[in-house]
PDB file of all heavy atoms in Angstrom:
ATOM      1  N   GLY A   1       1.477  15.760 -43.766  1.00  0.00           N
ATOM      2  CA  GLY A   1       1.796  15.430 -45.167  1.00  0.00           C
ATOM      3  C   GLY A   1       2.742  14.260 -45.266  1.00  0.00           C
ATOM      4  O   GLY A   1       3.512  13.921 -44.355  1.00  0.00           O
ATOM      5  N   ALA A   2       2.696  13.568 -46.455  1.00  0.00           N
ATOM      6  CA  ALA A   2       3.551  12.398 -46.691  1.00  0.00           C
ATOM      7  C   ALA A   2       4.900  12.889 -47.178  1.00  0.00           C
ATOM      8  O   ALA A   2       5.195  12.863 -48.384  1.00  0.00           O
ATOM      9  CB  ALA A   2       2.883  11.498 -47.705  1.00  0.00           C
ATOM     10  N   SER A   3       5.738  13.330 -46.272  1.00  0.00           N
ATOM     11  CA  SER A   3       7.049  13.845 -46.589  1.00  0.00           C
ATOM     12  C   SER A   3       7.979  13.719 -45.399  1.00  0.00           C
ATOM     13  O   SER A   3       7.549  13.878 -44.253  1.00  0.00           O
ATOM     14  CB  SER A   3       6.936  15.332 -47.036  1.00  0.00           C
ATOM     15  OG  SER A   3       8.178  15.969 -47.015  1.00  0.00           O
ATOM     16  N   TRP A   4       9.273  13.445 -45.647  1.00  0.00           N
ATOM     17  CA  TRP A   4      10.217  13.367 -44.553  1.00  0.00           C
ATOM     18  C   TRP A   4      10.424  14.745 -43.895  1.00  0.00           C
ATOM     19  O   TRP A   4      10.817  14.813 -42.728  1.00  0.00           O
ATOM     20  CB  TRP A   4      11.559  12.832 -45.062  1.00  0.00           C
ATOM     21  CG  TRP A   4      11.506  11.364 -45.322  1.00  0.00           C
ATOM     22  CD1 TRP A   4      11.533  10.781 -46.533  1.00  0.00           C
ATOM     23  CD2 TRP A   4      11.351  10.299 -44.355  1.00  0.00           C
ATOM     24  NE1 TRP A   4      11.455   9.366 -46.386  1.00  0.00           N
ATOM     25  CE2 TRP A   4      11.325   9.095 -45.047  1.00  0.00           C
ATOM     26  CE3 TRP A   4      11.249  10.272 -42.972  1.00  0.00           C
ATOM     27  CZ2 TRP A   4      11.169   7.850 -44.435  1.00  0.00           C
ATOM     28  CZ3 TRP A   4      11.110   9.042 -42.345  1.00  0.00           C
ATOM     29  CH2 TRP A   4      11.070   7.858 -43.052  1.00  0.00           C
ATOM     30  N   ASN A   5      10.104  15.801 -44.642  1.00  0.00           N
ATOM     31  CA  ASN A   5      10.182  17.126 -44.009  1.00  0.00           C
ATOM     32  C   ASN A   5       9.253  17.279 -42.846  1.00  0.00           C
ATOM     33  O   ASN A   5       9.603  17.779 -41.810  1.00  0.00           O
ATOM     34  CB  ASN A   5       9.865  18.212 -45.065  1.00  0.00           C
ATOM     35  CG  ASN A   5      11.124  18.732 -45.751  1.00  0.00           C
ATOM     36  OD1 ASN A   5      12.052  17.992 -45.946  1.00  0.00           O
ATOM     37  ND2 ASN A   5      11.114  19.978 -46.089  1.00  0.00           N
ATOM     38  N   PHE A   6       8.010  16.776 -43.064  1.00  0.00           N
ATOM     39  CA  PHE A   6       7.024  16.829 -41.945  1.00  0.00           C
ATOM     40  C   PHE A   6       7.418  15.921 -40.805  1.00  0.00           C
ATOM     41  O   PHE A   6       7.162  16.230 -39.644  1.00  0.00           O
ATOM     42  CB  PHE A   6       5.617  16.510 -42.477  1.00  0.00           C
ATOM     43  CG  PHE A   6       5.087  17.538 -43.444  1.00  0.00           C
ATOM     44  CD1 PHE A   6       4.766  17.236 -44.751  1.00  0.00           C
ATOM     45  CD2 PHE A   6       4.862  18.848 -43.004  1.00  0.00           C
ATOM     46  CE1 PHE A   6       4.258  18.190 -45.587  1.00  0.00           C
ATOM     47  CE2 PHE A   6       4.363  19.814 -43.853  1.00  0.00           C
ATOM     48  CZ  PHE A   6       4.068  19.492 -45.163  1.00  0.00           C
ATOM     49  N   VAL A   7       7.967  14.782 -41.122  1.00  0.00           N
ATOM     50  CA  VAL A   7       8.418  13.858 -40.076  1.00  0.00           C
ATOM     51  C   VAL A   7       9.535  14.520 -39.256  1.00  0.00           C
ATOM     52  O   VAL A   7       9.493  14.443 -38.026  1.00  0.00           O
ATOM     53  CB  VAL A   7       8.920  12.536 -40.698  1.00  0.00           C
ATOM     54  CG1 VAL A   7       9.514  11.630 -39.631  1.00  0.00           C
ATOM     55  CG2 VAL A   7       7.789  11.813 -41.405  1.00  0.00           C
ATOM     56  N   PHE A   8      10.455  15.183 -39.932  1.00  0.00           N
ATOM     57  CA  PHE A   8      11.535  15.844 -39.215  1.00  0.00           C
ATOM     58  C   PHE A   8      10.995  17.032 -38.392  1.00  0.00           C
ATOM     59  O   PHE A   8      11.450  17.231 -37.236  1.00  0.00           O
ATOM     60  CB  PHE A   8      12.602  16.363 -40.208  1.00  0.00           C
ATOM     61  CG  PHE A   8      13.834  16.900 -39.560  1.00  0.00           C
ATOM     62  CD1 PHE A   8      14.903  16.041 -39.251  1.00  0.00           C
ATOM     63  CD2 PHE A   8      13.938  18.228 -39.226  1.00  0.00           C
ATOM     64  CE1 PHE A   8      16.048  16.502 -38.636  1.00  0.00           C
ATOM     65  CE2 PHE A   8      15.107  18.753 -38.590  1.00  0.00           C
ATOM     66  CZ  PHE A   8      16.127  17.854 -38.322  1.00  0.00           C
ATOM     67  N   TRP A   9      10.042  17.739 -38.957  1.00  0.00           N
ATOM     68  CA  TRP A   9       9.405  18.874 -38.213  1.00  0.00           C
ATOM     69  C   TRP A   9       8.754  18.381 -36.935  1.00  0.00           C
ATOM     70  O   TRP A   9       8.959  18.919 -35.878  1.00  0.00           O
ATOM     71  CB  TRP A   9       8.388  19.617 -39.116  1.00  0.00           C
ATOM     72  CG  TRP A   9       7.617  20.622 -38.458  1.00  0.00           C
ATOM     73  CD1 TRP A   9       7.978  21.893 -38.117  1.00  0.00           C
ATOM     74  CD2 TRP A   9       6.232  20.474 -37.967  1.00  0.00           C
ATOM     75  NE1 TRP A   9       6.942  22.582 -37.458  1.00  0.00           N
ATOM     76  CE2 TRP A   9       5.901  21.711 -37.378  1.00  0.00           C
ATOM     77  CE3 TRP A   9       5.331  19.486 -38.036  1.00  0.00           C
ATOM     78  CZ2 TRP A   9       4.622  21.930 -36.808  1.00  0.00           C
ATOM     79  CZ3 TRP A   9       4.062  19.678 -37.482  1.00  0.00           C
ATOM     80  CH2 TRP A   9       3.721  20.905 -36.872  1.00  0.00           C
ATOM     81  N   GLY A  10       7.957  17.312 -37.077  1.00  0.00           N
ATOM     82  CA  GLY A  10       7.307  16.755 -35.913  1.00  0.00           C
ATOM     83  C   GLY A  10       8.267  16.155 -34.919  1.00  0.00           C
ATOM     84  O   GLY A  10       8.183  16.364 -33.693  1.00  0.00           O
ATOM     85  N   GLY A  11       9.336  15.450 -35.445  1.00  0.00           N
ATOM     86  CA  GLY A  11      10.347  14.913 -34.558  1.00  0.00           C
ATOM     87  C   GLY A  11      11.141  15.966 -33.829  1.00  0.00           C
ATOM     88  O   GLY A  11      11.528  15.813 -32.677  1.00  0.00           O
ATOM     89  N   GLY A  12      11.394  17.093 -34.547  1.00  0.00           N
ATOM     90  CA  GLY A  12      12.105  18.239 -33.884  1.00  0.00           C
ATOM     91  C   GLY A  12      11.320  18.753 -32.743  1.00  0.00           C
ATOM     92  O   GLY A  12      11.892  19.010 -31.642  1.00  0.00           O
ATOM     93  N   HIS A  13       9.973  18.897 -32.889  1.00  0.00           N
ATOM     94  CA  HIS A  13       9.130  19.396 -31.775  1.00  0.00           C
ATOM     95  C   HIS A  13       9.105  18.356 -30.661  1.00  0.00           C
ATOM     96  O   HIS A  13       9.102  18.694 -29.479  1.00  0.00           O
ATOM     97  CB  HIS A  13       7.739  19.704 -32.300  1.00  0.00           C
ATOM     98  CG  HIS A  13       7.618  21.078 -32.815  1.00  0.00           C
ATOM     99  ND1 HIS A  13       7.482  22.182 -31.945  1.00  0.00           N
ATOM    100  CD2 HIS A  13       7.590  21.576 -34.051  1.00  0.00           C
ATOM    101  CE1 HIS A  13       7.346  23.270 -32.725  1.00  0.00           C
ATOM    102  NE2 HIS A  13       7.418  22.932 -34.006  1.00  0.00           N
ATOM    103  N   GLY A  14       9.040  17.069 -31.049  1.00  0.00           N
ATOM    104  CA  GLY A  14       9.034  16.020 -30.042  1.00  0.00           C
ATOM    105  C   GLY A  14      10.314  16.029 -29.224  1.00  0.00           C
ATOM    106  O   GLY A  14      10.284  15.949 -27.990  1.00  0.00           O
ATOM    107  N   LEU A  15      11.470  16.200 -29.872  1.00  0.00           N
ATOM    108  CA  LEU A  15      12.747  16.229 -29.206  1.00  0.00           C
ATOM    109  C   LEU A  15      12.859  17.439 -28.253  1.00  0.00           C
ATOM    110  O   LEU A  15      13.332  17.341 -27.127  1.00  0.00           O
ATOM    111  CB  LEU A  15      13.873  16.275 -30.217  1.00  0.00           C
ATOM    112  CG  LEU A  15      15.326  16.162 -29.686  1.00  0.00           C
ATOM    113  CD1 LEU A  15      15.514  14.834 -28.955  1.00  0.00           C
ATOM    114  CD2 LEU A  15      16.308  16.296 -30.826  1.00  0.00           C
ATOM    115  N   LEU A  16      12.345  18.559 -28.713  1.00  0.00           N
ATOM    116  CA  LEU A  16      12.371  19.746 -27.877  1.00  0.00           C
ATOM    117  C   LEU A  16      11.459  19.607 -26.639  1.00  0.00           C
ATOM    118  O   LEU A  16      11.758  20.071 -25.537  1.00  0.00           O
ATOM    119  CB  LEU A  16      11.986  21.001 -28.678  1.00  0.00           C
ATOM    120  CG  LEU A  16      13.025  21.439 -29.705  1.00  0.00           C
ATOM    121  CD1 LEU A  16      12.416  22.460 -30.635  1.00  0.00           C
ATOM    122  CD2 LEU A  16      14.226  22.033 -29.005  1.00  0.00           C
ATOM    123  N   LEU A  17      10.319  18.951 -26.837  1.00  0.00           N
ATOM    124  CA  LEU A  17       9.391  18.695 -25.688  1.00  0.00           C
ATOM    125  C   LEU A  17      10.091  17.749 -24.692  1.00  0.00           C
ATOM    126  O   LEU A  17       9.947  17.929 -23.467  1.00  0.00           O
ATOM    127  CB  LEU A  17       8.097  18.042 -26.206  1.00  0.00           C
ATOM    128  CG  LEU A  17       7.125  18.993 -26.891  1.00  0.00           C
ATOM    129  CD1 LEU A  17       6.024  18.186 -27.602  1.00  0.00           C
ATOM    130  CD2 LEU A  17       6.498  19.976 -25.888  1.00  0.00           C
ATOM    131  N   VAL A  18      10.776  16.696 -25.183  1.00  0.00           N
ATOM    132  CA  VAL A  18      11.493  15.806 -24.277  1.00  0.00           C
ATOM    133  C   VAL A  18      12.623  16.535 -23.522  1.00  0.00           C
ATOM    134  O   VAL A  18      12.784  16.384 -22.339  1.00  0.00           O
ATOM    135  CB  VAL A  18      12.052  14.614 -25.093  1.00  0.00           C
ATOM    136  CG1 VAL A  18      12.999  13.787 -24.197  1.00  0.00           C
ATOM    137  CG2 VAL A  18      10.926  13.734 -25.592  1.00  0.00           C
ATOM    138  N   MET A  19      13.375  17.348 -24.262  1.00  0.00           N
ATOM    139  CA  MET A  19      14.455  18.119 -23.637  1.00  0.00           C
ATOM    140  C   MET A  19      13.945  19.059 -22.597  1.00  0.00           C
ATOM    141  O   MET A  19      14.510  19.225 -21.502  1.00  0.00           O
ATOM    142  CB  MET A  19      15.252  18.922 -24.719  1.00  0.00           C
ATOM    143  CG  MET A  19      16.120  18.021 -25.612  1.00  0.00           C
ATOM    144  SD  MET A  19      16.834  18.967 -26.946  1.00  0.00           S
ATOM    145  CE  MET A  19      17.807  20.191 -26.014  1.00  0.00           C
ATOM    146  N   GLU A  20      12.817  19.723 -22.887  1.00  0.00           N
ATOM    147  CA  GLU A  20      12.204  20.612 -21.917  1.00  0.00           C
ATOM    148  C   GLU A  20      11.777  19.894 -20.671  1.00  0.00           C
ATOM    149  O   GLU A  20      12.002  20.366 -19.567  1.00  0.00           O
ATOM    150  CB  GLU A  20      10.995  21.330 -22.559  1.00  0.00           C
ATOM    151  CG  GLU A  20      10.226  22.315 -21.630  1.00  0.00           C
ATOM    152  CD  GLU A  20       9.018  22.872 -22.307  1.00  0.00           C
ATOM    153  OE1 GLU A  20       8.034  22.148 -22.490  1.00  0.00           O
ATOM    154  OE2 GLU A  20       9.070  24.052 -22.663  1.00  0.00           O
ATOM    155  N   ARG A  21      11.216  18.724 -20.891  1.00  0.00           N
ATOM    156  CA  ARG A  21      10.797  17.920 -19.724  1.00  0.00           C
ATOM    157  C   ARG A  21      11.952  17.448 -18.887  1.00  0.00           C
ATOM    158  O   ARG A  21      11.871  17.413 -17.669  1.00  0.00           O
ATOM    159  CB  ARG A  21      10.002  16.714 -20.261  1.00  0.00           C
ATOM    160  CG  ARG A  21       9.346  15.895 -19.169  1.00  0.00           C
ATOM    161  CD  ARG A  21       8.536  14.725 -19.758  1.00  0.00           C
ATOM    162  NE  ARG A  21       8.009  13.945 -18.625  1.00  0.00           N
ATOM    163  CZ  ARG A  21       8.703  13.031 -17.990  1.00  0.00           C
ATOM    164  NH1 ARG A  21       9.929  12.709 -18.380  1.00  0.00           N
ATOM    165  NH2 ARG A  21       8.176  12.351 -16.991  1.00  0.00           N
ATOM    166  N   LEU A  22      13.055  17.137 -19.544  1.00  0.00           N
ATOM    167  CA  LEU A  22      14.233  16.615 -18.821  1.00  0.00           C
ATOM    168  C   LEU A  22      15.065  17.707 -18.142  1.00  0.00           C
ATOM    169  O   LEU A  22      15.567  17.538 -17.029  1.00  0.00           O
ATOM    170  CB  LEU A  22      15.158  15.807 -19.787  1.00  0.00           C
ATOM    171  CG  LEU A  22      14.561  14.480 -20.316  1.00  0.00           C
ATOM    172  CD1 LEU A  22      15.512  13.866 -21.300  1.00  0.00           C
ATOM    173  CD2 LEU A  22      14.290  13.531 -19.143  1.00  0.00           C
ATOM    174  N   PHE A  23      15.230  18.865 -18.858  1.00  0.00           N
ATOM    175  CA  PHE A  23      16.236  19.844 -18.367  1.00  0.00           C
ATOM    176  C   PHE A  23      15.673  21.191 -17.982  1.00  0.00           C
ATOM    177  O   PHE A  23      16.262  21.906 -17.181  1.00  0.00           O
ATOM    178  CB  PHE A  23      17.260  20.073 -19.491  1.00  0.00           C
ATOM    179  CG  PHE A  23      17.928  18.832 -19.957  1.00  0.00           C
ATOM    180  CD1 PHE A  23      17.760  18.346 -21.223  1.00  0.00           C
ATOM    181  CD2 PHE A  23      18.756  18.082 -19.079  1.00  0.00           C
ATOM    182  CE1 PHE A  23      18.406  17.167 -21.619  1.00  0.00           C
ATOM    183  CE2 PHE A  23      19.388  16.951 -19.484  1.00  0.00           C
ATOM    184  CZ  PHE A  23      19.216  16.476 -20.771  1.00  0.00           C
ATOM    185  N   PHE A  24      14.502  21.578 -18.603  1.00  0.00           N
ATOM    186  CA  PHE A  24      14.027  22.925 -18.396  1.00  0.00           C
ATOM    187  C   PHE A  24      12.754  23.060 -17.638  1.00  0.00           C
ATOM    188  O   PHE A  24      12.218  24.154 -17.483  1.00  0.00           O
ATOM    189  CB  PHE A  24      13.846  23.656 -19.756  1.00  0.00           C
ATOM    190  CG  PHE A  24      15.135  23.721 -20.545  1.00  0.00           C
ATOM    191  CD1 PHE A  24      15.268  22.986 -21.689  1.00  0.00           C
ATOM    192  CD2 PHE A  24      16.193  24.498 -20.102  1.00  0.00           C
ATOM    193  CE1 PHE A  24      16.464  23.026 -22.438  1.00  0.00           C
ATOM    194  CE2 PHE A  24      17.358  24.551 -20.814  1.00  0.00           C
ATOM    195  CZ  PHE A  24      17.488  23.825 -22.009  1.00  0.00           C
ATOM    196  N   LYS A  25      12.186  21.980 -17.182  1.00  0.00           N
ATOM    197  CA  LYS A  25      10.952  22.021 -16.435  1.00  0.00           C
ATOM    198  C   LYS A  25      11.155  22.757 -15.120  1.00  0.00           C
ATOM    199  O   LYS A  25      12.008  22.373 -14.330  1.00  0.00           O
ATOM    200  CB  LYS A  25      10.422  20.615 -16.193  1.00  0.00           C
ATOM    201  CG  LYS A  25       8.966  20.631 -15.715  1.00  0.00           C
ATOM    202  CD  LYS A  25       8.398  19.225 -15.731  1.00  0.00           C
ATOM    203  CE  LYS A  25       6.944  19.219 -15.290  1.00  0.00           C
ATOM    204  NZ  LYS A  25       6.067  19.908 -16.208  1.00  0.00           N
ATOM    205  N   ARG A  26      10.322  23.806 -14.938  1.00  0.00           N
ATOM    206  CA  ARG A  26      10.444  24.620 -13.713  1.00  0.00           C
ATOM    207  C   ARG A  26       9.868  23.803 -12.497  1.00  0.00           C
ATOM    208  O   ARG A  26       8.762  23.303 -12.564  1.00  0.00           O
ATOM    209  CB  ARG A  26       9.700  25.911 -13.849  1.00  0.00           C
ATOM    210  CG  ARG A  26      10.271  26.800 -14.917  1.00  0.00           C
ATOM    211  CD  ARG A  26       9.642  28.165 -14.879  1.00  0.00           C
ATOM    212  NE  ARG A  26       8.194  28.113 -15.157  1.00  0.00           N
ATOM    213  CZ  ARG A  26       7.732  28.157 -16.362  1.00  0.00           C
ATOM    214  NH1 ARG A  26       8.493  28.226 -17.437  1.00  0.00           N
ATOM    215  NH2 ARG A  26       6.433  28.143 -16.571  1.00  0.00           N
ATOM    216  N   LYS A  27      10.618  23.664 -11.460  1.00  0.00           N
ATOM    217  CA  LYS A  27      10.206  22.989 -10.257  1.00  0.00           C
ATOM    218  C   LYS A  27       9.850  23.964  -9.171  1.00  0.00           C
ATOM    219  O   LYS A  27      10.543  24.943  -8.940  1.00  0.00           O
ATOM    220  CB  LYS A  27      11.301  22.028  -9.763  1.00  0.00           C
ATOM    221  CG  LYS A  27      11.670  20.932 -10.781  1.00  0.00           C
ATOM    222  CD  LYS A  27      12.773  20.043 -10.233  1.00  0.00           C
ATOM    223  CE  LYS A  27      13.083  18.946 -11.242  1.00  0.00           C
ATOM    224  NZ  LYS A  27      14.144  18.026 -10.727  1.00  0.00           N
ATOM    225  N   GLU A  28       8.754  23.661  -8.541  1.00  0.00           N
ATOM    226  CA  GLU A  28       8.311  24.564  -7.442  1.00  0.00           C
ATOM    227  C   GLU A  28       9.107  24.219  -6.189  1.00  0.00           C
ATOM    228  O   GLU A  28       9.301  23.104  -5.793  1.00  0.00           O
ATOM    229  CB  GLU A  28       6.817  24.340  -7.148  1.00  0.00           C
ATOM    230  CG  GLU A  28       5.909  24.671  -8.347  1.00  0.00           C
ATOM    231  CD  GLU A  28       5.956  26.134  -8.726  1.00  0.00           C
ATOM    232  OE1 GLU A  28       6.194  26.955  -7.807  1.00  0.00           O
ATOM    233  OE2 GLU A  28       5.764  26.483  -9.884  1.00  0.00           O
ATOM    234  N   ASN A  29       9.598  25.251  -5.520  1.00  0.00           N
ATOM    235  CA  ASN A  29      10.359  25.108  -4.263  1.00  0.00           C
ATOM    236  C   ASN A  29       9.859  26.183  -3.276  1.00  0.00           C
ATOM    237  O   ASN A  29      10.379  27.297  -3.316  1.00  0.00           O
ATOM    238  CB  ASN A  29      11.839  25.223  -4.493  1.00  0.00           C
ATOM    239  CG  ASN A  29      12.650  24.755  -3.284  1.00  0.00           C
ATOM    240  OD1 ASN A  29      12.196  24.851  -2.139  1.00  0.00           O
ATOM    241  ND2 ASN A  29      13.820  24.212  -3.548  1.00  0.00           N
ATOM    242  N   PRO A  30       8.796  25.883  -2.524  1.00  0.00           N
ATOM    243  CA  PRO A  30       8.214  26.916  -1.672  1.00  0.00           C
ATOM    244  C   PRO A  30       9.198  27.589  -0.707  1.00  0.00           C
ATOM    245  O   PRO A  30       9.162  28.807  -0.502  1.00  0.00           O
ATOM    246  CB  PRO A  30       7.150  26.139  -0.867  1.00  0.00           C
ATOM    247  CG  PRO A  30       6.887  24.926  -1.658  1.00  0.00           C
ATOM    248  CD  PRO A  30       8.187  24.567  -2.327  1.00  0.00           C
ATOM    249  N   SER A  31      10.145  26.785  -0.142  1.00  0.00           N
ATOM    250  CA  SER A  31      11.071  27.434   0.824  1.00  0.00           C
ATOM    251  C   SER A  31      11.987  28.452   0.125  1.00  0.00           C
ATOM    252  O   SER A  31      12.206  29.544   0.651  1.00  0.00           O
ATOM    253  CB  SER A  31      11.892  26.338   1.461  1.00  0.00           C
ATOM    254  OG  SER A  31      12.669  25.625   0.474  1.00  0.00           O
ATOM    255  N   VAL A  32      12.486  28.066  -1.067  1.00  0.00           N
ATOM    256  CA  VAL A  32      13.346  29.008  -1.776  1.00  0.00           C
ATOM    257  C   VAL A  32      12.530  30.187  -2.223  1.00  0.00           C
ATOM    258  O   VAL A  32      12.967  31.357  -2.090  1.00  0.00           O
ATOM    259  CB  VAL A  32      13.991  28.290  -2.975  1.00  0.00           C
ATOM    260  CG1 VAL A  32      14.746  29.320  -3.817  1.00  0.00           C
ATOM    261  CG2 VAL A  32      14.912  27.190  -2.517  1.00  0.00           C
ATOM    262  N   GLY A  33      11.294  29.955  -2.688  1.00  0.00           N
ATOM    263  CA  GLY A  33      10.459  31.074  -3.159  1.00  0.00           C
ATOM    264  C   GLY A  33      10.166  32.040  -2.051  1.00  0.00           C
ATOM    265  O   GLY A  33      10.242  33.273  -2.217  1.00  0.00           O
ATOM    266  N   SER A  34       9.826  31.546  -0.866  1.00  0.00           N
ATOM    267  CA  SER A  34       9.480  32.459   0.229  1.00  0.00           C
ATOM    268  C   SER A  34      10.715  33.245   0.721  1.00  0.00           C
ATOM    269  O   SER A  34      10.623  34.365   1.132  1.00  0.00           O
ATOM    270  CB  SER A  34       8.876  31.660   1.392  1.00  0.00           C
ATOM    271  OG  SER A  34       9.809  30.645   1.841  1.00  0.00           O
ATOM    272  N   ALA A  35      11.899  32.557   0.656  1.00  0.00           N
ATOM    273  CA  ALA A  35      13.101  33.237   1.154  1.00  0.00           C
ATOM    274  C   ALA A  35      13.516  34.388   0.289  1.00  0.00           C
ATOM    275  O   ALA A  35      14.040  35.354   0.706  1.00  0.00           O
ATOM    276  CB  ALA A  35      14.221  32.170   1.230  1.00  0.00           C
ATOM    277  N   PHE A  36      13.247  34.231  -1.028  1.00  0.00           N
ATOM    278  CA  PHE A  36      13.657  35.279  -1.990  1.00  0.00           C
ATOM    279  C   PHE A  36      12.483  36.090  -2.488  1.00  0.00           C
ATOM    280  O   PHE A  36      12.644  36.940  -3.365  1.00  0.00           O
ATOM    281  CB  PHE A  36      14.335  34.602  -3.176  1.00  0.00           C
ATOM    282  CG  PHE A  36      15.716  34.090  -2.897  1.00  0.00           C
ATOM    283  CD1 PHE A  36      15.901  32.808  -2.478  1.00  0.00           C
ATOM    284  CD2 PHE A  36      16.808  34.932  -3.049  1.00  0.00           C
ATOM    285  CE1 PHE A  36      17.162  32.341  -2.210  1.00  0.00           C
ATOM    286  CE2 PHE A  36      18.085  34.454  -2.763  1.00  0.00           C
ATOM    287  CZ  PHE A  36      18.247  33.147  -2.342  1.00  0.00           C
ATOM    288  N   ASN A  37      11.309  35.874  -1.903  1.00  0.00           N
ATOM    289  CA  ASN A  37      10.131  36.550  -2.473  1.00  0.00           C
ATOM    290  C   ASN A  37      10.259  38.045  -2.479  1.00  0.00           C
ATOM    291  O   ASN A  37       9.780  38.737  -3.373  1.00  0.00           O
ATOM    292  CB  ASN A  37       8.899  36.112  -1.622  1.00  0.00           C
ATOM    293  CG  ASN A  37       7.638  36.488  -2.299  1.00  0.00           C
ATOM    294  OD1 ASN A  37       7.528  36.398  -3.509  1.00  0.00           O
ATOM    295  ND2 ASN A  37       6.636  36.891  -1.516  1.00  0.00           N
ATOM    296  N   ALA A  38      10.912  38.587  -1.465  1.00  0.00           N
ATOM    297  CA  ALA A  38      11.040  40.032  -1.387  1.00  0.00           C
ATOM    298  C   ALA A  38      12.292  40.540  -2.037  1.00  0.00           C
ATOM    299  O   ALA A  38      12.598  41.708  -1.984  1.00  0.00           O
ATOM    300  CB  ALA A  38      11.059  40.441   0.107  1.00  0.00           C
ATOM    301  N   SER A  39      13.049  39.661  -2.638  1.00  0.00           N
ATOM    302  CA  SER A  39      14.308  40.016  -3.209  1.00  0.00           C
ATOM    303  C   SER A  39      14.091  40.701  -4.593  1.00  0.00           C
ATOM    304  O   SER A  39      13.521  40.096  -5.471  1.00  0.00           O
ATOM    305  CB  SER A  39      15.219  38.819  -3.388  1.00  0.00           C
ATOM    306  OG  SER A  39      16.344  39.157  -4.114  1.00  0.00           O
ATOM    307  N   PHE A  40      14.561  41.904  -4.746  1.00  0.00           N
ATOM    308  CA  PHE A  40      14.438  42.641  -5.977  1.00  0.00           C
ATOM    309  C   PHE A  40      15.238  41.921  -7.102  1.00  0.00           C
ATOM    310  O   PHE A  40      14.764  41.756  -8.223  1.00  0.00           O
ATOM    311  CB  PHE A  40      14.977  44.027  -5.783  1.00  0.00           C
ATOM    312  CG  PHE A  40      14.910  44.934  -7.001  1.00  0.00           C
ATOM    313  CD1 PHE A  40      13.749  45.541  -7.355  1.00  0.00           C
ATOM    314  CD2 PHE A  40      16.041  45.144  -7.779  1.00  0.00           C
ATOM    315  CE1 PHE A  40      13.659  46.359  -8.468  1.00  0.00           C
ATOM    316  CE2 PHE A  40      15.968  45.914  -8.863  1.00  0.00           C
ATOM    317  CZ  PHE A  40      14.812  46.543  -9.252  1.00  0.00           C
ATOM    318  N   ILE A  41      16.432  41.461  -6.767  1.00  0.00           N
ATOM    319  CA  ILE A  41      17.287  40.823  -7.782  1.00  0.00           C
ATOM    320  C   ILE A  41      16.704  39.496  -8.252  1.00  0.00           C
ATOM    321  O   ILE A  41      16.676  39.189  -9.444  1.00  0.00           O
ATOM    322  CB  ILE A  41      18.706  40.596  -7.210  1.00  0.00           C
ATOM    323  CG1 ILE A  41      19.356  41.947  -6.857  1.00  0.00           C
ATOM    324  CG2 ILE A  41      19.600  39.806  -8.215  1.00  0.00           C
ATOM    325  CD1 ILE A  41      20.747  41.800  -6.221  1.00  0.00           C
ATOM    326  N   PHE A  42      16.208  38.728  -7.264  1.00  0.00           N
ATOM    327  CA  PHE A  42      15.620  37.419  -7.623  1.00  0.00           C
ATOM    328  C   PHE A  42      14.473  37.557  -8.588  1.00  0.00           C
ATOM    329  O   PHE A  42      14.334  36.805  -9.536  1.00  0.00           O
ATOM    330  CB  PHE A  42      15.180  36.689  -6.334  1.00  0.00           C
ATOM    331  CG  PHE A  42      14.589  35.382  -6.631  1.00  0.00           C
ATOM    332  CD1 PHE A  42      15.368  34.289  -6.941  1.00  0.00           C
ATOM    333  CD2 PHE A  42      13.189  35.176  -6.552  1.00  0.00           C
ATOM    334  CE1 PHE A  42      14.815  33.046  -7.208  1.00  0.00           C
ATOM    335  CE2 PHE A  42      12.656  33.959  -6.801  1.00  0.00           C
ATOM    336  CZ  PHE A  42      13.436  32.873  -7.110  1.00  0.00           C
ATOM    337  N   GLY A  43      13.632  38.581  -8.366  1.00  0.00           N
ATOM    338  CA  GLY A  43      12.475  38.810  -9.248  1.00  0.00           C
ATOM    339  C   GLY A  43      12.929  39.054 -10.697  1.00  0.00           C
ATOM    340  O   GLY A  43      12.342  38.515 -11.630  1.00  0.00           O
ATOM    341  N   TYR A  44      13.992  39.832 -10.831  1.00  0.00           N
ATOM    342  CA  TYR A  44      14.454  40.154 -12.169  1.00  0.00           C
ATOM    343  C   TYR A  44      15.155  38.965 -12.820  1.00  0.00           C
ATOM    344  O   TYR A  44      15.114  38.807 -14.073  1.00  0.00           O
ATOM    345  CB  TYR A  44      15.387  41.371 -12.147  1.00  0.00           C
ATOM    346  CG  TYR A  44      14.623  42.670 -12.308  1.00  0.00           C
ATOM    347  CD1 TYR A  44      14.168  43.361 -11.172  1.00  0.00           C
ATOM    348  CD2 TYR A  44      14.341  43.170 -13.553  1.00  0.00           C
ATOM    349  CE1 TYR A  44      13.437  44.540 -11.306  1.00  0.00           C
ATOM    350  CE2 TYR A  44      13.611  44.330 -13.700  1.00  0.00           C
ATOM    351  CZ  TYR A  44      13.190  45.022 -12.590  1.00  0.00           C
ATOM    352  OH  TYR A  44      12.458  46.140 -12.706  1.00  0.00           O
ATOM    353  N   VAL A  45      15.822  38.137 -12.012  1.00  0.00           N
ATOM    354  CA  VAL A  45      16.469  36.935 -12.557  1.00  0.00           C
ATOM    355  C   VAL A  45      15.399  35.991 -13.137  1.00  0.00           C
ATOM    356  O   VAL A  45      15.555  35.418 -14.183  1.00  0.00           O
ATOM    357  CB  VAL A  45      17.298  36.238 -11.436  1.00  0.00           C
ATOM    358  CG1 VAL A  45      17.722  34.833 -11.886  1.00  0.00           C
ATOM    359  CG2 VAL A  45      18.537  37.046 -11.087  1.00  0.00           C
TER     360      VAL A  45
END
């Protein structure tokens, strides 16, 4: 829609996608995963 509300809504989602990519993206680490694979606490974390 032609409204600043929609621009802000889209920009908010864009900013959250960028933040997720920069700070919250899960990285695979096979060595850490295998070391803790059997850990009960690690699974719940």
